[in-house]
Amino acid sequence: MAEHPNAALVRKGYEAFAKRDMATIRDIFSQQIVWRQSGTSPVSGEHRGRDAALAFLGRLVELSGATIQVELHDLLGNDEHVVALSRETGNRQGKELNVLTAQVYHVRDGKITEAWSVMQDQRRYDDFWS
């Protein structure tokens, strides 16, 4: 069975992030994307607009000294949404991140318009970025 086109689009984004290919990510994000990052850390909150969402991803790379990695476990996609199950790892200021995550993406007209990110261990995630 072929992968749903929306799931393939999101997979392309994960592959681009692994390569730090922000140009590809820019291309798949809607100009009006809203990225919602759960928690209370300095990287949490709503990031509105493509530039803000890209800055958020860049900040993850910067704050982690480029150690942040997202290992994609599975994608489930349909005509409107994609759910990604993954593991995030990284090192920062003597702290180690290793959490399971679920991201929900809303896709319209071949672009990601919204992202919601939820952590399995939110306290550990917030501590890592604080």
N, C-alpha and C. Protein backbone atom coordinates (compact mmCIF):
# COMPACT_ATOMS: atom_id res chain seq x y z
N MET A 1 0.84 -1.18 0.00
CA MET A 1 0.00 0.00 0.00
C MET A 1 0.88 1.25 0.00
N ALA A 2 0.58 2.15 -0.89
CA ALA A 2 1.36 3.39 -1.00
C ALA A 2 1.07 4.32 0.18
N GLU A 3 2.07 5.08 0.56
CA GLU A 3 1.92 6.05 1.64
C GLU A 3 1.02 7.20 1.18
N HIS A 4 0.14 7.65 2.05
CA HIS A 4 -0.72 8.78 1.72
C HIS A 4 0.15 9.99 1.40
N PRO A 5 -0.22 10.81 0.40
CA PRO A 5 0.61 11.97 0.04
C PRO A 5 0.88 12.93 1.20
N ASN A 6 -0.08 13.09 2.10
CA ASN A 6 0.16 13.98 3.24
C ASN A 6 1.19 13.38 4.20
N ALA A 7 1.14 12.05 4.37
CA ALA A 7 2.15 11.40 5.21
C ALA A 7 3.52 11.52 4.55
N ALA A 8 3.59 11.39 3.23
CA ALA A 8 4.86 11.54 2.51
C ALA A 8 5.40 12.96 2.67
N LEU A 9 4.51 13.95 2.67
CA LEU A 9 4.92 15.34 2.86
C LEU A 9 5.56 15.54 4.23
N VAL A 10 4.90 15.01 5.27
CA VAL A 10 5.43 15.14 6.63
C VAL A 10 6.74 14.37 6.77
N ARG A 11 6.81 13.18 6.18
CA ARG A 11 8.07 12.41 6.21
C ARG A 11 9.21 13.23 5.59
N LYS A 12 8.91 13.90 4.49
CA LYS A 12 9.89 14.77 3.84
C LYS A 12 10.40 15.84 4.80
N GLY A 13 9.50 16.37 5.63
CA GLY A 13 9.90 17.35 6.63
C GLY A 13 10.83 16.79 7.68
N TYR A 14 10.53 15.57 8.15
CA TYR A 14 11.42 14.93 9.14
C TYR A 14 12.79 14.66 8.54
N GLU A 15 12.82 14.20 7.30
CA GLU A 15 14.09 13.94 6.63
C GLU A 15 14.88 15.24 6.46
N ALA A 16 14.18 16.32 6.11
CA ALA A 16 14.84 17.61 5.95
C ALA A 16 15.39 18.11 7.28
N PHE A 17 14.63 17.95 8.37
CA PHE A 17 15.12 18.39 9.68
C PHE A 17 16.38 17.62 10.07
N ALA A 18 16.41 16.33 9.79
CA ALA A 18 17.59 15.52 10.11
C ALA A 18 18.82 16.05 9.39
N LYS A 19 18.63 16.60 8.19
CA LYS A 19 19.74 17.16 7.40
C LYS A 19 19.94 18.64 7.67
N ARG A 20 19.08 19.23 8.53
CA ARG A 20 19.07 20.67 8.81
C ARG A 20 18.82 21.47 7.52
N ASP A 21 17.96 20.90 6.66
CA ASP A 21 17.60 21.51 5.39
C ASP A 21 16.37 22.39 5.57
N MET A 22 16.59 23.60 6.07
CA MET A 22 15.49 24.51 6.36
C MET A 22 14.80 25.01 5.10
N ALA A 23 15.47 25.01 3.96
CA ALA A 23 14.83 25.44 2.71
C ALA A 23 13.69 24.49 2.34
N THR A 24 13.91 23.20 2.51
CA THR A 24 12.85 22.23 2.22
C THR A 24 11.71 22.38 3.22
N ILE A 25 12.04 22.58 4.47
CA ILE A 25 10.99 22.76 5.48
C ILE A 25 10.20 24.02 5.17
N ARG A 26 10.86 25.09 4.80
CA ARG A 26 10.17 26.33 4.42
C ARG A 26 9.18 26.05 3.29
N ASP A 27 9.57 25.22 2.35
CA ASP A 27 8.73 24.93 1.20
C ASP A 27 7.48 24.14 1.56
N ILE A 28 7.55 23.32 2.59
CA ILE A 28 6.37 22.50 2.92
C ILE A 28 5.48 23.15 3.99
N PHE A 29 5.95 24.22 4.62
CA PHE A 29 5.15 24.95 5.60
C PHE A 29 4.30 26.01 4.88
N SER A 30 3.05 26.11 5.28
CA SER A 30 2.21 27.22 4.83
C SER A 30 2.77 28.52 5.42
N GLN A 31 2.55 29.63 4.72
CA GLN A 31 2.97 30.92 5.29
C GLN A 31 2.27 31.20 6.60
N GLN A 32 1.06 30.66 6.78
CA GLN A 32 0.27 30.93 7.98
C GLN A 32 0.33 29.79 9.00
N ILE A 33 1.31 28.92 8.90
CA ILE A 33 1.39 27.79 9.82
C ILE A 33 1.35 28.28 11.28
N VAL A 34 0.72 27.48 12.11
CA VAL A 34 0.75 27.70 13.55
C VAL A 34 1.32 26.42 14.18
N TRP A 35 2.46 26.56 14.86
CA TRP A 35 3.10 25.42 15.52
C TRP A 35 2.86 25.58 17.01
N ARG A 36 2.20 24.60 17.61
CA ARG A 36 1.91 24.63 19.04
C ARG A 36 2.78 23.60 19.74
N GLN A 37 3.66 24.10 20.60
CA GLN A 37 4.58 23.24 21.34
C GLN A 37 4.12 23.20 22.79
N SER A 38 3.80 22.01 23.26
CA SER A 38 3.28 21.88 24.63
C SER A 38 4.34 22.20 25.66
N GLY A 39 3.89 22.48 26.87
CA GLY A 39 4.81 22.67 27.99
C GLY A 39 4.97 24.10 28.45
N THR A 40 5.97 24.28 29.31
CA THR A 40 6.23 25.59 29.92
C THR A 40 7.68 26.04 29.75
N SER A 41 8.41 25.37 28.88
CA SER A 41 9.82 25.71 28.68
C SER A 41 9.97 26.94 27.79
N PRO A 42 11.18 27.45 27.64
CA PRO A 42 11.40 28.61 26.76
C PRO A 42 11.06 28.35 25.29
N VAL A 43 10.94 27.09 24.86
CA VAL A 43 10.58 26.81 23.47
C VAL A 43 9.10 26.47 23.30
N SER A 44 8.36 26.44 24.40
CA SER A 44 6.93 26.10 24.37
C SER A 44 6.10 27.27 23.88
N GLY A 45 4.89 26.96 23.48
CA GLY A 45 3.95 28.01 23.10
C GLY A 45 3.54 27.92 21.65
N GLU A 46 2.86 28.97 21.19
CA GLU A 46 2.41 29.06 19.81
C GLU A 46 3.41 29.84 18.99
N HIS A 47 3.80 29.27 17.88
CA HIS A 47 4.71 29.92 16.95
C HIS A 47 3.90 30.15 15.68
N ARG A 48 3.51 31.41 15.44
CA ARG A 48 2.58 31.74 14.34
C ARG A 48 3.32 32.28 13.14
N GLY A 49 3.06 31.65 12.01
CA GLY A 49 3.67 32.07 10.76
C GLY A 49 4.90 31.24 10.43
N ARG A 50 5.20 31.13 9.13
CA ARG A 50 6.32 30.29 8.69
C ARG A 50 7.64 30.74 9.30
N ASP A 51 7.90 32.03 9.34
CA ASP A 51 9.18 32.50 9.90
C ASP A 51 9.32 32.14 11.37
N ALA A 52 8.24 32.28 12.12
CA ALA A 52 8.27 31.94 13.55
C ALA A 52 8.45 30.44 13.75
N ALA A 53 7.79 29.62 12.95
CA ALA A 53 7.93 28.16 13.06
C ALA A 53 9.35 27.73 12.71
N LEU A 54 9.90 28.33 11.67
CA LEU A 54 11.28 28.02 11.30
C LEU A 54 12.26 28.48 12.37
N ALA A 55 12.01 29.64 12.95
CA ALA A 55 12.86 30.14 14.04
C ALA A 55 12.80 29.20 15.24
N PHE A 56 11.61 28.67 15.53
CA PHE A 56 11.45 27.71 16.62
C PHE A 56 12.32 26.48 16.37
N LEU A 57 12.24 25.91 15.17
CA LEU A 57 13.05 24.73 14.86
C LEU A 57 14.54 25.06 14.92
N GLY A 58 14.90 26.23 14.42
CA GLY A 58 16.30 26.66 14.49
C GLY A 58 16.78 26.82 15.91
N ARG A 59 15.89 27.28 16.77
CA ARG A 59 16.24 27.46 18.18
C ARG A 59 16.51 26.11 18.85
N LEU A 60 15.73 25.08 18.49
CA LEU A 60 15.98 23.74 19.02
C LEU A 60 17.39 23.28 18.66
N VAL A 61 17.76 23.51 17.41
CA VAL A 61 19.09 23.12 16.96
C VAL A 61 20.15 23.92 17.70
N GLU A 62 19.96 25.23 17.78
CA GLU A 62 20.93 26.10 18.44
C GLU A 62 21.10 25.77 19.92
N LEU A 63 19.99 25.70 20.64
CA LEU A 63 20.07 25.47 22.09
C LEU A 63 20.64 24.10 22.44
N SER A 64 20.46 23.13 21.55
CA SER A 64 20.98 21.78 21.81
C SER A 64 22.39 21.60 21.26
N GLY A 65 22.98 22.66 20.74
CA GLY A 65 24.31 22.51 20.13
C GLY A 65 24.27 21.56 18.95
N ALA A 66 23.14 21.58 18.24
CA ALA A 66 22.90 20.73 17.05
C ALA A 66 22.85 19.24 17.38
N THR A 67 22.56 18.89 18.65
CA THR A 67 22.46 17.48 19.01
C THR A 67 21.03 16.95 18.93
N ILE A 68 20.05 17.85 18.79
CA ILE A 68 18.65 17.42 18.75
C ILE A 68 18.42 16.51 17.54
N GLN A 69 17.83 15.36 17.79
CA GLN A 69 17.49 14.40 16.74
C GLN A 69 16.05 13.94 16.95
N VAL A 70 15.36 13.71 15.86
CA VAL A 70 14.01 13.18 15.93
C VAL A 70 13.98 11.90 15.12
N GLU A 71 13.76 10.79 15.82
CA GLU A 71 13.69 9.48 15.18
C GLU A 71 12.21 9.15 14.95
N LEU A 72 11.82 9.13 13.70
CA LEU A 72 10.44 8.86 13.34
C LEU A 72 10.14 7.39 13.52
N HIS A 73 9.09 7.09 14.27
CA HIS A 73 8.68 5.71 14.50
C HIS A 73 7.59 5.30 13.52
N ASP A 74 6.57 6.16 13.33
CA ASP A 74 5.47 5.82 12.44
C ASP A 74 4.71 7.08 12.05
N LEU A 75 4.06 7.02 10.90
CA LEU A 75 3.18 8.09 10.41
C LEU A 75 1.85 7.49 10.04
N LEU A 76 0.78 8.20 10.38
CA LEU A 76 -0.57 7.82 9.97
C LEU A 76 -1.17 9.04 9.30
N GLY A 77 -1.62 8.91 8.06
CA GLY A 77 -2.10 10.08 7.36
C GLY A 77 -3.41 9.87 6.63
N ASN A 78 -4.16 10.96 6.51
CA ASN A 78 -5.36 10.96 5.69
C ASN A 78 -5.42 12.27 4.92
N ASP A 79 -6.58 12.63 4.40
CA ASP A 79 -6.70 13.81 3.55
C ASP A 79 -6.52 15.12 4.30
N GLU A 80 -6.63 15.12 5.62
CA GLU A 80 -6.51 16.36 6.39
C GLU A 80 -5.41 16.35 7.43
N HIS A 81 -5.10 15.19 8.00
CA HIS A 81 -4.17 15.14 9.13
C HIS A 81 -3.12 14.07 8.95
N VAL A 82 -2.01 14.29 9.62
CA VAL A 82 -0.96 13.28 9.75
C VAL A 82 -0.57 13.24 11.22
N VAL A 83 -0.47 12.05 11.76
CA VAL A 83 0.01 11.85 13.13
C VAL A 83 1.38 11.19 13.02
N ALA A 84 2.36 11.79 13.68
CA ALA A 84 3.72 11.26 13.69
C ALA A 84 4.05 10.82 15.11
N LEU A 85 4.56 9.62 15.24
CA LEU A 85 5.05 9.10 16.51
C LEU A 85 6.56 9.04 16.41
N SER A 86 7.24 9.64 17.39
CA SER A 86 8.69 9.74 17.28
C SER A 86 9.35 9.75 18.65
N ARG A 87 10.67 9.75 18.61
CA ARG A 87 11.50 9.88 19.81
C ARG A 87 12.44 11.06 19.58
N GLU A 88 12.51 11.98 20.54
CA GLU A 88 13.44 13.10 20.47
C GLU A 88 14.57 12.87 21.44
N THR A 89 15.78 13.07 20.95
CA THR A 89 16.96 12.93 21.79
C THR A 89 17.86 14.14 21.58
N GLY A 90 18.69 14.39 22.57
CA GLY A 90 19.66 15.48 22.46
C GLY A 90 20.41 15.64 23.76
N ASN A 91 21.39 16.52 23.72
CA ASN A 91 22.20 16.85 24.90
C ASN A 91 22.32 18.36 24.99
N ARG A 92 22.24 18.85 26.22
CA ARG A 92 22.32 20.30 26.42
C ARG A 92 22.74 20.60 27.86
N GLN A 93 23.81 21.32 28.02
CA GLN A 93 24.27 21.77 29.33
C GLN A 93 24.28 20.64 30.36
N GLY A 94 24.81 19.49 29.95
CA GLY A 94 24.90 18.35 30.85
C GLY A 94 23.61 17.56 31.02
N LYS A 95 22.56 17.97 30.33
CA LYS A 95 21.28 17.27 30.41
C LYS A 95 21.09 16.41 29.16
N GLU A 96 20.39 15.30 29.34
CA GLU A 96 20.11 14.41 28.21
C GLU A 96 18.60 14.35 27.98
N LEU A 97 18.20 14.50 26.74
CA LEU A 97 16.79 14.39 26.37
C LEU A 97 16.57 13.06 25.68
N ASN A 98 15.52 12.36 26.10
CA ASN A 98 15.11 11.11 25.45
C ASN A 98 13.63 10.92 25.78
N VAL A 99 12.76 11.47 24.91
CA VAL A 99 11.32 11.40 25.16
C VAL A 99 10.58 10.94 23.92
N LEU A 100 9.48 10.24 24.16
CA LEU A 100 8.56 9.88 23.08
C LEU A 100 7.65 11.06 22.82
N THR A 101 7.31 11.28 21.57
CA THR A 101 6.47 12.41 21.20
C THR A 101 5.39 11.98 20.22
N ALA A 102 4.33 12.77 20.20
CA ALA A 102 3.29 12.64 19.18
C ALA A 102 3.06 14.02 18.60
N GLN A 103 3.11 14.11 17.29
CA GLN A 103 2.82 15.37 16.61
C GLN A 103 1.63 15.14 15.69
N VAL A 104 0.73 16.10 15.70
CA VAL A 104 -0.42 16.07 14.80
C VAL A 104 -0.24 17.24 13.84
N TYR A 105 -0.30 16.95 12.56
CA TYR A 105 -0.15 17.97 11.52
C TYR A 105 -1.45 18.09 10.75
N HIS A 106 -1.85 19.31 10.47
CA HIS A 106 -2.98 19.58 9.58
C HIS A 106 -2.38 19.98 8.24
N VAL A 107 -2.84 19.33 7.18
CA VAL A 107 -2.29 19.58 5.84
C VAL A 107 -3.43 20.04 4.93
N ARG A 108 -3.15 21.13 4.22
CA ARG A 108 -4.13 21.64 3.25
C ARG A 108 -3.37 22.11 2.01
N ASP A 109 -3.85 21.69 0.86
CA ASP A 109 -3.26 22.10 -0.42
C ASP A 109 -1.76 21.83 -0.49
N GLY A 110 -1.34 20.70 0.05
CA GLY A 110 0.06 20.30 -0.04
C GLY A 110 1.00 21.04 0.88
N LYS A 111 0.47 21.74 1.88
CA LYS A 111 1.30 22.48 2.85
C LYS A 111 0.86 22.13 4.27
N ILE A 112 1.80 22.15 5.18
CA ILE A 112 1.48 21.96 6.60
C ILE A 112 0.99 23.30 7.13
N THR A 113 -0.25 23.31 7.64
CA THR A 113 -0.85 24.56 8.12
C THR A 113 -0.86 24.66 9.64
N GLU A 114 -0.82 23.52 10.32
CA GLU A 114 -0.79 23.51 11.79
C GLU A 114 0.01 22.31 12.27
N ALA A 115 0.62 22.47 13.43
CA ALA A 115 1.32 21.37 14.09
C ALA A 115 1.06 21.47 15.59
N TRP A 116 0.76 20.34 16.19
CA TRP A 116 0.59 20.24 17.65
C TRP A 116 1.59 19.19 18.11
N SER A 117 2.40 19.52 19.07
CA SER A 117 3.41 18.59 19.56
C SER A 117 3.19 18.32 21.04
N VAL A 118 3.12 17.03 21.39
CA VAL A 118 2.85 16.61 22.77
C VAL A 118 3.92 15.60 23.18
N MET A 119 4.46 15.78 24.37
CA MET A 119 5.53 14.93 24.87
C MET A 119 5.00 13.88 25.84
N GLN A 120 5.59 12.72 25.82
CA GLN A 120 5.24 11.64 26.75
C GLN A 120 5.64 12.02 28.18
N ASP A 121 6.76 12.70 28.33
CA ASP A 121 7.22 13.15 29.65
C ASP A 121 7.48 14.66 29.55
N GLN A 122 6.41 15.43 29.72
CA GLN A 122 6.50 16.87 29.53
C GLN A 122 7.47 17.52 30.51
N ARG A 123 7.48 17.05 31.74
CA ARG A 123 8.38 17.63 32.74
C ARG A 123 9.85 17.46 32.34
N ARG A 124 10.20 16.29 31.84
CA ARG A 124 11.58 16.05 31.39
C ARG A 124 11.92 16.95 30.20
N TYR A 125 10.97 17.09 29.28
CA TYR A 125 11.17 17.94 28.10
C TYR A 125 11.37 19.39 28.51
N ASP A 126 10.51 19.89 29.40
CA ASP A 126 10.62 21.28 29.86
C ASP A 126 11.94 21.51 30.58
N ASP A 127 12.34 20.55 31.42
CA ASP A 127 13.60 20.69 32.15
C ASP A 127 14.78 20.76 31.19
N PHE A 128 14.75 19.97 30.14
CA PHE A 128 15.85 19.95 29.18
C PHE A 128 16.05 21.32 28.54
N TRP A 129 14.95 22.00 28.17
CA TRP A 129 15.06 23.26 27.47
C TRP A 129 15.17 24.47 28.40
N SER A 130 14.96 24.26 29.70
CA SER A 130 15.00 25.38 30.66
C SER A 130 16.41 25.62 31.18
